[in-house]
């Protein structure tokens, strides 16, 4: 496998994770804000004020969660699944599995 092909394959993997992280950020933040608002209303009703969370979820918090979540998912999958080759196309070794 030539060097240019290695770079293209590695870049496409990281690009797909980045695109997925952006999609999670755009779709999950409005949904989570709605759920958080409903949660806080329930807590108010039951007079459990100390369990409230600040609203809305900030863009920074949502972006951090989306990107750490997507990249850590790929990392954990590469450790957990024996059939995955996490460092491919650079190498076919399963270094994260000890093999």
Foldseek 3Di string as FASTA:
>chain_A
DDPVVQVVVVVVVVVVLVVQLVVQLVPVQVVVQVVLVVVCVVCVVVVVNVPHDDDDDDSVNSSVCSNCVSVVVLVVCLLPDPPDQSSPPVDSDSVSVVD
